[in-house]
Amino acid sequence: MTKSIKINIPNILSILRIVFIPIIIYAYFFLPIQLFLILFFITAITDFLDGFLARKLNQVTKLGTALDVVADKLFVFSFFLILIYQYNISIFVILLMSAKDIVIIIGRLLFFQKFKNIKAITALPANYFTKITTTLQIITIISAVLSFYSQIFIVATIFMSAITAVNYIISGYKLLKNNNK
């Protein structure tokens, strides 16, 4: 018996976010900055829209949840690499700004390893802390590109990323504790 995968609007938006990454990187290096910013902004909005539409249209799927996580990480990390390369922001600072992403990736891999089930990867859904941190990461990228108070946004992103990472660790611990009963 084969399972069919339903492709819906939220999933298409997540896929488009992944597809647009190389286009936006090209725009950053070879096109006017205004065009880069427009493409970056449109793509960043899909991060909000895919989840919003999935909930609003009752189209939340495991595939969509996984696609959203992959699209988010690829989108943010791609531009963090540009910050390292173009703006000499240290790898250490990027790692600090990515603390929540690192914790989420490691946590999901550990959950998958423990439960041997793909459902484990989506066991800890995104929350407000995650959304705020991702928004700050995006604002930090734009502020660095525009040379607009980027240090303030870097500090805010590091702070929020740390809070989100701790929140995920606590949530993951509680989930593991409840599943071991």
N, C-alpha and C. Protein backbone atom coordinates (compact mmCIF):
# COMPACT_ATOMS: atom_id res chain seq x y z
N MET A 1 0.84 -1.17 0.00
CA MET A 1 0.00 0.00 0.00
C MET A 1 0.90 1.25 0.00
N THR A 2 0.66 2.15 -0.91
CA THR A 2 1.46 3.37 -0.97
C THR A 2 0.65 4.52 -0.42
N LYS A 3 1.35 5.42 0.22
CA LYS A 3 0.71 6.63 0.74
C LYS A 3 0.91 7.74 -0.27
N SER A 4 -0.12 8.51 -0.48
CA SER A 4 0.04 9.66 -1.36
C SER A 4 0.39 10.88 -0.52
N ILE A 5 1.21 11.72 -1.07
CA ILE A 5 1.59 12.94 -0.39
C ILE A 5 0.78 14.08 -0.98
N LYS A 6 0.04 14.74 -0.10
CA LYS A 6 -0.76 15.87 -0.55
C LYS A 6 0.09 17.13 -0.56
N ILE A 7 0.11 17.75 -1.70
CA ILE A 7 0.79 19.02 -1.81
C ILE A 7 -0.28 20.11 -1.70
N ASN A 8 -0.10 20.99 -0.74
CA ASN A 8 -1.06 22.06 -0.53
C ASN A 8 -0.33 23.41 -0.59
N ILE A 9 -1.08 24.47 -0.47
CA ILE A 9 -0.50 25.81 -0.59
C ILE A 9 0.62 26.06 0.42
N PRO A 10 0.42 25.73 1.71
CA PRO A 10 1.52 25.94 2.66
C PRO A 10 2.79 25.17 2.28
N ASN A 11 2.64 23.92 1.82
CA ASN A 11 3.81 23.14 1.42
C ASN A 11 4.49 23.75 0.20
N ILE A 12 3.71 24.24 -0.73
CA ILE A 12 4.27 24.90 -1.92
C ILE A 12 5.07 26.13 -1.51
N LEU A 13 4.56 26.89 -0.54
CA LEU A 13 5.29 28.07 -0.07
C LEU A 13 6.63 27.68 0.55
N SER A 14 6.65 26.60 1.32
CA SER A 14 7.91 26.13 1.91
C SER A 14 8.89 25.69 0.82
N ILE A 15 8.38 24.99 -0.18
CA ILE A 15 9.23 24.55 -1.29
C ILE A 15 9.76 25.77 -2.05
N LEU A 16 8.90 26.75 -2.28
CA LEU A 16 9.34 27.97 -2.97
C LEU A 16 10.43 28.69 -2.19
N ARG A 17 10.32 28.69 -0.87
CA ARG A 17 11.34 29.33 -0.05
C ARG A 17 12.70 28.66 -0.29
N ILE A 18 12.70 27.34 -0.38
CA ILE A 18 13.95 26.61 -0.65
C ILE A 18 14.47 26.93 -2.05
N VAL A 19 13.57 26.93 -3.03
CA VAL A 19 13.95 27.19 -4.42
C VAL A 19 14.49 28.61 -4.60
N PHE A 20 13.94 29.56 -3.85
CA PHE A 20 14.34 30.95 -4.00
C PHE A 20 15.70 31.27 -3.39
N ILE A 21 16.21 30.42 -2.51
CA ILE A 21 17.48 30.72 -1.83
C ILE A 21 18.61 31.01 -2.82
N PRO A 22 18.89 30.13 -3.79
CA PRO A 22 19.99 30.46 -4.71
C PRO A 22 19.70 31.70 -5.57
N ILE A 23 18.44 31.93 -5.87
CA ILE A 23 18.07 33.12 -6.65
C ILE A 23 18.37 34.39 -5.86
N ILE A 24 18.04 34.36 -4.57
CA ILE A 24 18.28 35.53 -3.72
C ILE A 24 19.78 35.73 -3.50
N ILE A 25 20.51 34.64 -3.35
CA ILE A 25 21.97 34.76 -3.21
C ILE A 25 22.56 35.37 -4.48
N TYR A 26 22.10 34.92 -5.63
CA TYR A 26 22.54 35.52 -6.89
C TYR A 26 22.20 37.01 -6.91
N ALA A 27 20.97 37.35 -6.51
CA ALA A 27 20.54 38.76 -6.49
C ALA A 27 21.44 39.58 -5.56
N TYR A 28 21.82 39.00 -4.44
CA TYR A 28 22.68 39.73 -3.49
C TYR A 28 24.01 40.10 -4.15
N PHE A 29 24.61 39.15 -4.84
CA PHE A 29 25.94 39.38 -5.40
C PHE A 29 25.95 40.12 -6.74
N PHE A 30 24.89 39.98 -7.53
CA PHE A 30 24.97 40.46 -8.91
C PHE A 30 23.88 41.46 -9.34
N LEU A 31 22.90 41.70 -8.50
CA LEU A 31 21.82 42.61 -8.88
C LEU A 31 21.76 43.78 -7.89
N PRO A 32 21.02 44.83 -8.23
CA PRO A 32 20.90 45.96 -7.30
C PRO A 32 20.36 45.51 -5.94
N ILE A 33 20.87 46.13 -4.89
CA ILE A 33 20.50 45.76 -3.53
C ILE A 33 18.99 45.83 -3.30
N GLN A 34 18.34 46.76 -3.96
CA GLN A 34 16.88 46.90 -3.81
C GLN A 34 16.17 45.63 -4.26
N LEU A 35 16.62 45.05 -5.37
CA LEU A 35 16.01 43.82 -5.86
C LEU A 35 16.27 42.66 -4.90
N PHE A 36 17.50 42.61 -4.40
CA PHE A 36 17.81 41.60 -3.38
C PHE A 36 16.86 41.73 -2.19
N LEU A 37 16.70 42.95 -1.69
CA LEU A 37 15.85 43.16 -0.50
C LEU A 37 14.39 42.78 -0.77
N ILE A 38 13.90 43.09 -1.95
CA ILE A 38 12.52 42.72 -2.30
C ILE A 38 12.37 41.20 -2.32
N LEU A 39 13.29 40.52 -2.99
CA LEU A 39 13.22 39.05 -3.04
C LEU A 39 13.40 38.43 -1.66
N PHE A 40 14.33 38.97 -0.89
CA PHE A 40 14.56 38.47 0.47
C PHE A 40 13.30 38.64 1.32
N PHE A 41 12.69 39.81 1.25
CA PHE A 41 11.50 40.11 2.04
C PHE A 41 10.34 39.19 1.64
N ILE A 42 10.11 39.05 0.34
CA ILE A 42 9.02 38.17 -0.13
C ILE A 42 9.24 36.74 0.36
N THR A 43 10.47 36.27 0.25
CA THR A 43 10.77 34.91 0.69
C THR A 43 10.63 34.78 2.21
N ALA A 44 11.07 35.79 2.95
CA ALA A 44 10.93 35.76 4.40
C ALA A 44 9.45 35.72 4.82
N ILE A 45 8.60 36.41 4.07
CA ILE A 45 7.16 36.41 4.39
C ILE A 45 6.57 35.01 4.23
N THR A 46 7.11 34.21 3.31
CA THR A 46 6.57 32.86 3.14
C THR A 46 6.76 32.02 4.40
N ASP A 47 7.77 32.39 5.22
CA ASP A 47 7.97 31.68 6.49
C ASP A 47 6.77 31.88 7.40
N PHE A 48 6.24 33.07 7.42
CA PHE A 48 5.03 33.34 8.22
C PHE A 48 3.80 32.73 7.55
N LEU A 49 3.70 32.95 6.24
CA LEU A 49 2.49 32.54 5.52
C LEU A 49 2.26 31.03 5.50
N ASP A 50 3.32 30.24 5.35
CA ASP A 50 3.09 28.80 5.24
C ASP A 50 2.46 28.24 6.52
N GLY A 51 2.98 28.64 7.67
CA GLY A 51 2.40 28.16 8.93
C GLY A 51 1.02 28.72 9.19
N PHE A 52 0.86 30.01 8.90
CA PHE A 52 -0.44 30.66 9.10
C PHE A 52 -1.51 29.99 8.24
N LEU A 53 -1.21 29.81 6.97
CA LEU A 53 -2.19 29.19 6.06
C LEU A 53 -2.45 27.72 6.41
N ALA A 54 -1.40 27.02 6.83
CA ALA A 54 -1.59 25.61 7.21
C ALA A 54 -2.58 25.51 8.36
N ARG A 55 -2.45 26.39 9.35
CA ARG A 55 -3.38 26.36 10.49
C ARG A 55 -4.76 26.87 10.08
N LYS A 56 -4.80 27.96 9.35
CA LYS A 56 -6.07 28.60 8.95
C LYS A 56 -6.90 27.69 8.03
N LEU A 57 -6.22 27.02 7.10
CA LEU A 57 -6.90 26.16 6.12
C LEU A 57 -6.98 24.70 6.59
N ASN A 58 -6.53 24.47 7.82
CA ASN A 58 -6.51 23.13 8.39
C ASN A 58 -5.73 22.17 7.47
N GLN A 59 -4.55 22.61 7.05
CA GLN A 59 -3.70 21.83 6.15
C GLN A 59 -2.34 21.55 6.76
N VAL A 60 -2.29 21.41 8.08
CA VAL A 60 -1.03 21.07 8.75
C VAL A 60 -0.72 19.61 8.44
N THR A 61 0.47 19.36 7.89
CA THR A 61 0.88 18.00 7.56
C THR A 61 2.28 17.75 8.11
N LYS A 62 2.63 16.48 8.24
CA LYS A 62 3.99 16.13 8.68
C LYS A 62 5.00 16.62 7.65
N LEU A 63 4.66 16.43 6.38
CA LEU A 63 5.55 16.90 5.32
C LEU A 63 5.75 18.41 5.43
N GLY A 64 4.66 19.15 5.61
CA GLY A 64 4.74 20.60 5.72
C GLY A 64 5.56 21.04 6.91
N THR A 65 5.38 20.36 8.03
CA THR A 65 6.15 20.70 9.23
C THR A 65 7.64 20.48 8.98
N ALA A 66 7.97 19.36 8.36
CA ALA A 66 9.38 19.06 8.06
C ALA A 66 9.93 20.04 7.02
N LEU A 67 9.16 20.31 5.96
CA LEU A 67 9.60 21.25 4.93
C LEU A 67 9.86 22.64 5.50
N ASP A 68 8.99 23.08 6.40
CA ASP A 68 9.13 24.40 7.01
C ASP A 68 10.44 24.50 7.78
N VAL A 69 10.74 23.47 8.55
CA VAL A 69 11.98 23.46 9.33
C VAL A 69 13.19 23.50 8.40
N VAL A 70 13.19 22.66 7.38
CA VAL A 70 14.31 22.63 6.43
C VAL A 70 14.44 23.97 5.71
N ALA A 71 13.33 24.52 5.25
CA ALA A 71 13.36 25.80 4.54
C ALA A 71 13.89 26.91 5.44
N ASP A 72 13.42 26.94 6.69
CA ASP A 72 13.89 27.96 7.64
C ASP A 72 15.39 27.89 7.83
N LYS A 73 15.88 26.69 8.10
CA LYS A 73 17.31 26.53 8.39
C LYS A 73 18.15 26.88 7.16
N LEU A 74 17.76 26.38 6.00
CA LEU A 74 18.51 26.68 4.78
C LEU A 74 18.51 28.18 4.49
N PHE A 75 17.36 28.81 4.64
CA PHE A 75 17.22 30.24 4.36
C PHE A 75 18.13 31.05 5.28
N VAL A 76 17.99 30.86 6.57
CA VAL A 76 18.77 31.65 7.52
C VAL A 76 20.26 31.32 7.43
N PHE A 77 20.61 30.04 7.41
CA PHE A 77 22.04 29.68 7.38
C PHE A 77 22.72 30.15 6.10
N SER A 78 22.01 30.13 4.98
CA SER A 78 22.60 30.62 3.72
C SER A 78 23.04 32.07 3.86
N PHE A 79 22.20 32.86 4.48
CA PHE A 79 22.52 34.29 4.60
C PHE A 79 23.46 34.56 5.77
N PHE A 80 23.47 33.69 6.76
CA PHE A 80 24.48 33.80 7.81
C PHE A 80 25.87 33.57 7.20
N LEU A 81 25.97 32.67 6.23
CA LEU A 81 27.25 32.45 5.55
C LEU A 81 27.69 33.72 4.82
N ILE A 82 26.73 34.43 4.25
CA ILE A 82 27.06 35.70 3.59
C ILE A 82 27.56 36.71 4.63
N LEU A 83 26.94 36.71 5.81
CA LEU A 83 27.40 37.63 6.86
C LEU A 83 28.85 37.34 7.25
N ILE A 84 29.20 36.06 7.31
CA ILE A 84 30.57 35.68 7.63
C ILE A 84 31.51 36.14 6.51
N TYR A 85 31.12 35.85 5.29
CA TYR A 85 31.96 36.12 4.13
C TYR A 85 32.07 37.62 3.82
N GLN A 86 30.96 38.30 3.75
CA GLN A 86 30.94 39.69 3.30
C GLN A 86 31.14 40.72 4.41
N TYR A 87 30.69 40.40 5.62
CA TYR A 87 30.66 41.41 6.68
C TYR A 87 31.58 41.06 7.85
N ASN A 88 32.38 40.01 7.68
CA ASN A 88 33.36 39.61 8.69
C ASN A 88 32.75 39.40 10.07
N ILE A 89 31.52 38.94 10.11
CA ILE A 89 30.92 38.57 11.38
C ILE A 89 31.48 37.20 11.74
N SER A 90 31.98 37.07 12.95
CA SER A 90 32.68 35.84 13.31
C SER A 90 31.75 34.63 13.33
N ILE A 91 32.35 33.48 13.07
CA ILE A 91 31.60 32.23 13.10
C ILE A 91 31.02 32.01 14.49
N PHE A 92 31.76 32.41 15.52
CA PHE A 92 31.28 32.27 16.90
C PHE A 92 29.97 33.04 17.10
N VAL A 93 29.91 34.26 16.60
CA VAL A 93 28.69 35.07 16.72
C VAL A 93 27.55 34.40 15.95
N ILE A 94 27.84 33.90 14.77
CA ILE A 94 26.81 33.21 13.98
C ILE A 94 26.32 31.97 14.74
N LEU A 95 27.23 31.23 15.36
CA LEU A 95 26.82 30.06 16.14
C LEU A 95 25.94 30.47 17.32
N LEU A 96 26.29 31.58 17.97
CA LEU A 96 25.45 32.06 19.08
C LEU A 96 24.06 32.46 18.57
N MET A 97 24.02 33.13 17.42
CA MET A 97 22.72 33.53 16.86
C MET A 97 21.94 32.31 16.39
N SER A 98 22.63 31.21 16.18
CA SER A 98 21.99 29.98 15.70
C SER A 98 21.75 28.96 16.81
N ALA A 99 21.93 29.35 18.05
CA ALA A 99 21.81 28.41 19.17
C ALA A 99 20.49 27.65 19.14
N LYS A 100 19.41 28.35 18.90
CA LYS A 100 18.10 27.67 18.89
C LYS A 100 18.03 26.67 17.74
N ASP A 101 18.58 27.02 16.61
CA ASP A 101 18.54 26.11 15.46
C ASP A 101 19.38 24.87 15.72
N ILE A 102 20.53 25.07 16.32
CA ILE A 102 21.41 23.95 16.64
C ILE A 102 20.73 23.01 17.64
N VAL A 103 20.12 23.59 18.68
CA VAL A 103 19.41 22.78 19.68
C VAL A 103 18.25 22.03 19.03
N ILE A 104 17.51 22.69 18.17
CA ILE A 104 16.36 22.04 17.51
C ILE A 104 16.84 20.88 16.64
N ILE A 105 17.87 21.10 15.85
CA ILE A 105 18.37 20.04 14.97
C ILE A 105 18.88 18.85 15.80
N ILE A 106 19.70 19.13 16.79
CA ILE A 106 20.23 18.05 17.63
C ILE A 106 19.09 17.35 18.37
N GLY A 107 18.17 18.13 18.92
CA GLY A 107 17.03 17.55 19.64
C GLY A 107 16.18 16.65 18.77
N ARG A 108 15.90 17.08 17.58
CA ARG A 108 15.08 16.26 16.68
C ARG A 108 15.81 14.99 16.26
N LEU A 109 17.10 15.10 16.04
CA LEU A 109 17.87 13.91 15.71
C LEU A 109 17.89 12.92 16.88
N LEU A 110 18.04 13.44 18.09
CA LEU A 110 18.02 12.58 19.27
C LEU A 110 16.65 11.92 19.46
N PHE A 111 15.59 12.69 19.23
CA PHE A 111 14.23 12.13 19.33
C PHE A 111 14.04 11.03 18.29
N PHE A 112 14.51 11.29 17.09
CA PHE A 112 14.39 10.29 16.03
C PHE A 112 15.18 9.03 16.41
N GLN A 113 16.37 9.22 16.92
CA GLN A 113 17.20 8.09 17.34
C GLN A 113 16.52 7.29 18.45
N LYS A 114 15.94 7.97 19.42
CA LYS A 114 15.32 7.29 20.56
C LYS A 114 14.04 6.57 20.17
N PHE A 115 13.19 7.24 19.39
CA PHE A 115 11.87 6.68 19.10
C PHE A 115 11.81 5.93 17.77
N LYS A 116 12.87 6.03 16.96
CA LYS A 116 12.92 5.33 15.66
C LYS A 116 11.66 5.59 14.84
N ASN A 117 11.20 6.83 14.88
CA ASN A 117 9.95 7.17 14.23
C ASN A 117 10.07 8.58 13.68
N ILE A 118 9.68 8.75 12.45
CA ILE A 118 9.76 10.07 11.81
C ILE A 118 8.89 11.10 12.54
N LYS A 119 7.83 10.65 13.22
CA LYS A 119 6.97 11.57 13.99
C LYS A 119 7.76 12.31 15.06
N ALA A 120 8.81 11.68 15.54
CA ALA A 120 9.62 12.29 16.59
C ALA A 120 10.25 13.60 16.13
N ILE A 121 10.50 13.72 14.84
CA ILE A 121 11.12 14.94 14.32
C ILE A 121 10.19 16.14 14.50
N THR A 122 8.90 15.91 14.49
CA THR A 122 7.94 17.00 14.65
C THR A 122 7.34 17.03 16.05
N ALA A 123 7.95 16.31 17.00
CA ALA A 123 7.40 16.23 18.35
C ALA A 123 7.40 17.57 19.08
N LEU A 124 8.35 18.41 18.79
CA LEU A 124 8.42 19.72 19.41
C LEU A 124 8.13 20.79 18.36
N PRO A 125 6.88 21.21 18.29
CA PRO A 125 6.53 22.18 17.26
C PRO A 125 7.08 23.57 17.56
N ALA A 126 7.08 24.41 16.55
CA ALA A 126 7.51 25.79 16.72
C ALA A 126 6.61 26.49 17.73
N ASN A 127 7.18 27.44 18.43
CA ASN A 127 6.40 28.22 19.39
C ASN A 127 6.71 29.70 19.18
N TYR A 128 6.17 30.55 20.05
CA TYR A 128 6.38 31.99 19.87
C TYR A 128 7.85 32.38 19.98
N PHE A 129 8.57 31.72 20.90
CA PHE A 129 10.00 32.01 21.03
C PHE A 129 10.72 31.75 19.71
N THR A 130 10.38 30.63 19.09
CA THR A 130 11.01 30.26 17.82
C THR A 130 10.73 31.29 16.75
N LYS A 131 9.47 31.69 16.65
CA LYS A 131 9.08 32.66 15.62
C LYS A 131 9.76 34.01 15.85
N ILE A 132 9.83 34.44 17.11
CA ILE A 132 10.49 35.71 17.42
C ILE A 132 11.98 35.63 17.05
N THR A 133 12.62 34.51 17.40
CA THR A 133 14.04 34.35 17.11
C THR A 133 14.29 34.35 15.60
N THR A 134 13.48 33.61 14.86
CA THR A 134 13.64 33.57 13.40
C THR A 134 13.43 34.97 12.81
N THR A 135 12.45 35.69 13.32
CA THR A 135 12.20 37.06 12.85
C THR A 135 13.42 37.93 13.13
N LEU A 136 13.98 37.80 14.32
CA LEU A 136 15.18 38.58 14.66
C LEU A 136 16.37 38.18 13.78
N GLN A 137 16.50 36.91 13.47
CA GLN A 137 17.58 36.48 12.58
C GLN A 137 17.44 37.16 11.22
N ILE A 138 16.23 37.19 10.71
CA ILE A 138 15.97 37.82 9.41
C ILE A 138 16.24 39.32 9.47
N ILE A 139 15.78 39.97 10.53
CA ILE A 139 16.03 41.41 10.71
C ILE A 139 17.53 41.68 10.82
N THR A 140 18.25 40.80 11.52
CA THR A 140 19.70 40.95 11.66
C THR A 140 20.40 40.88 10.31
N ILE A 141 19.98 39.95 9.48
CA ILE A 141 20.57 39.82 8.14
C ILE A 141 20.34 41.11 7.35
N ILE A 142 19.10 41.59 7.36
CA ILE A 142 18.78 42.82 6.62
C ILE A 142 19.54 44.01 7.19
N SER A 143 19.61 44.11 8.53
CA SER A 143 20.31 45.25 9.14
C SER A 143 21.79 45.23 8.81
N ALA A 144 22.39 44.04 8.73
CA ALA A 144 23.81 43.95 8.36
C ALA A 144 24.02 44.38 6.91
N VAL A 145 23.13 43.91 6.04
CA VAL A 145 23.24 44.27 4.62
C VAL A 145 23.10 45.78 4.44
N LEU A 146 22.20 46.39 5.21
CA LEU A 146 21.97 47.83 5.09
C LEU A 146 22.87 48.66 6.01
N SER A 147 23.72 47.99 6.79
CA SER A 147 24.58 48.66 7.78
C SER A 147 23.74 49.54 8.71
N PHE A 148 22.67 48.98 9.23
CA PHE A 148 21.72 49.73 10.05
C PHE A 148 21.61 49.07 11.43
N TYR A 149 22.34 49.58 12.39
CA TYR A 149 22.27 49.10 13.78
C TYR A 149 22.40 47.58 13.90
N SER A 150 23.22 46.98 13.08
CA SER A 150 23.31 45.52 13.07
C SER A 150 23.80 44.96 14.40
N GLN A 151 24.67 45.69 15.12
CA GLN A 151 25.17 45.19 16.41
C GLN A 151 24.04 45.00 17.42
N ILE A 152 23.10 45.92 17.43
CA ILE A 152 21.95 45.82 18.34
C ILE A 152 21.13 44.58 18.00
N PHE A 153 20.89 44.36 16.73
CA PHE A 153 20.10 43.20 16.32
C PHE A 153 20.85 41.89 16.55
N ILE A 154 22.16 41.92 16.39
CA ILE A 154 22.96 40.72 16.68
C ILE A 154 22.82 40.34 18.15
N VAL A 155 22.96 41.32 19.04
CA VAL A 155 22.83 41.05 20.47
C VAL A 155 21.43 40.56 20.80
N ALA A 156 20.41 41.20 20.24
CA ALA A 156 19.02 40.77 20.49
C ALA A 156 18.78 39.35 19.98
N THR A 157 19.36 39.04 18.84
CA THR A 157 19.19 37.70 18.26
C THR A 157 19.89 36.65 19.12
N ILE A 158 21.09 36.96 19.57
CA ILE A 158 21.80 36.02 20.44
C ILE A 158 21.01 35.79 21.73
N PHE A 159 20.51 36.86 22.33
CA PHE A 159 19.73 36.75 23.56
C PHE A 159 18.48 35.90 23.35
N MET A 160 17.73 36.20 22.30
CA MET A 160 16.49 35.47 22.05
C MET A 160 16.77 34.03 21.64
N SER A 161 17.84 33.82 20.90
CA SER A 161 18.21 32.46 20.50
C SER A 161 18.55 31.61 21.73
N ALA A 162 19.24 32.21 22.70
CA ALA A 162 19.57 31.50 23.93
C ALA A 162 18.31 31.15 24.72
N ILE A 163 17.39 32.10 24.83
CA ILE A 163 16.13 31.84 25.54
C ILE A 163 15.36 30.72 24.84
N THR A 164 15.30 30.77 23.52
CA THR A 164 14.57 29.76 22.75
C THR A 164 15.24 28.40 22.89
N ALA A 165 16.55 28.36 22.86
CA ALA A 165 17.27 27.09 23.02
C ALA A 165 16.97 26.47 24.38
N VAL A 166 17.01 27.28 25.43
CA VAL A 166 16.69 26.78 26.78
C VAL A 166 15.25 26.29 26.83
N ASN A 167 14.34 27.05 26.23
CA ASN A 167 12.93 26.65 26.19
C ASN A 167 12.76 25.29 25.50
N TYR A 168 13.46 25.09 24.39
CA TYR A 168 13.39 23.81 23.68
C TYR A 168 14.00 22.67 24.49
N ILE A 169 15.09 22.94 25.18
CA ILE A 169 15.71 21.91 26.00
C ILE A 169 14.75 21.48 27.12
N ILE A 170 14.13 22.45 27.77
CA ILE A 170 13.17 22.14 28.83
C ILE A 170 11.97 21.37 28.27
N SER A 171 11.43 21.84 27.15
CA SER A 171 10.27 21.17 26.52
C SER A 171 10.64 19.75 26.10
N GLY A 172 11.82 19.59 25.53
CA GLY A 172 12.27 18.26 25.10
C GLY A 172 12.46 17.33 26.28
N TYR A 173 13.01 17.85 27.36
CA TYR A 173 13.20 17.04 28.56
C TYR A 173 11.85 16.58 29.11
N LYS A 174 10.89 17.51 29.17
CA LYS A 174 9.54 17.15 29.66
C LYS A 174 8.89 16.10 28.76
N LEU A 175 9.05 16.24 27.47
CA LEU A 175 8.47 15.28 26.54
C LEU A 175 9.11 13.90 26.70
N LEU A 176 10.42 13.87 26.84
CA LEU A 176 11.11 12.60 27.07
C LEU A 176 10.68 11.97 28.39
N LYS A 177 10.57 12.80 29.41
CA LYS A 177 10.16 12.31 30.73
C LYS A 177 8.76 11.71 30.68
N ASN A 178 7.85 12.38 29.98
CA ASN A 178 6.47 11.88 29.85
C ASN A 178 6.39 10.61 29.02
N ASN A 179 7.26 10.46 28.03
CA ASN A 179 7.25 9.27 27.18
C ASN A 179 7.93 8.07 27.84
N ASN A 180 8.71 8.33 28.88
CA ASN A 180 9.37 7.24 29.59
C ASN A 180 8.51 6.66 30.71
N LYS A 181 7.35 7.23 30.93
CA LYS A 181 6.46 6.74 31.99
C LYS A 181 5.67 5.55 31.54
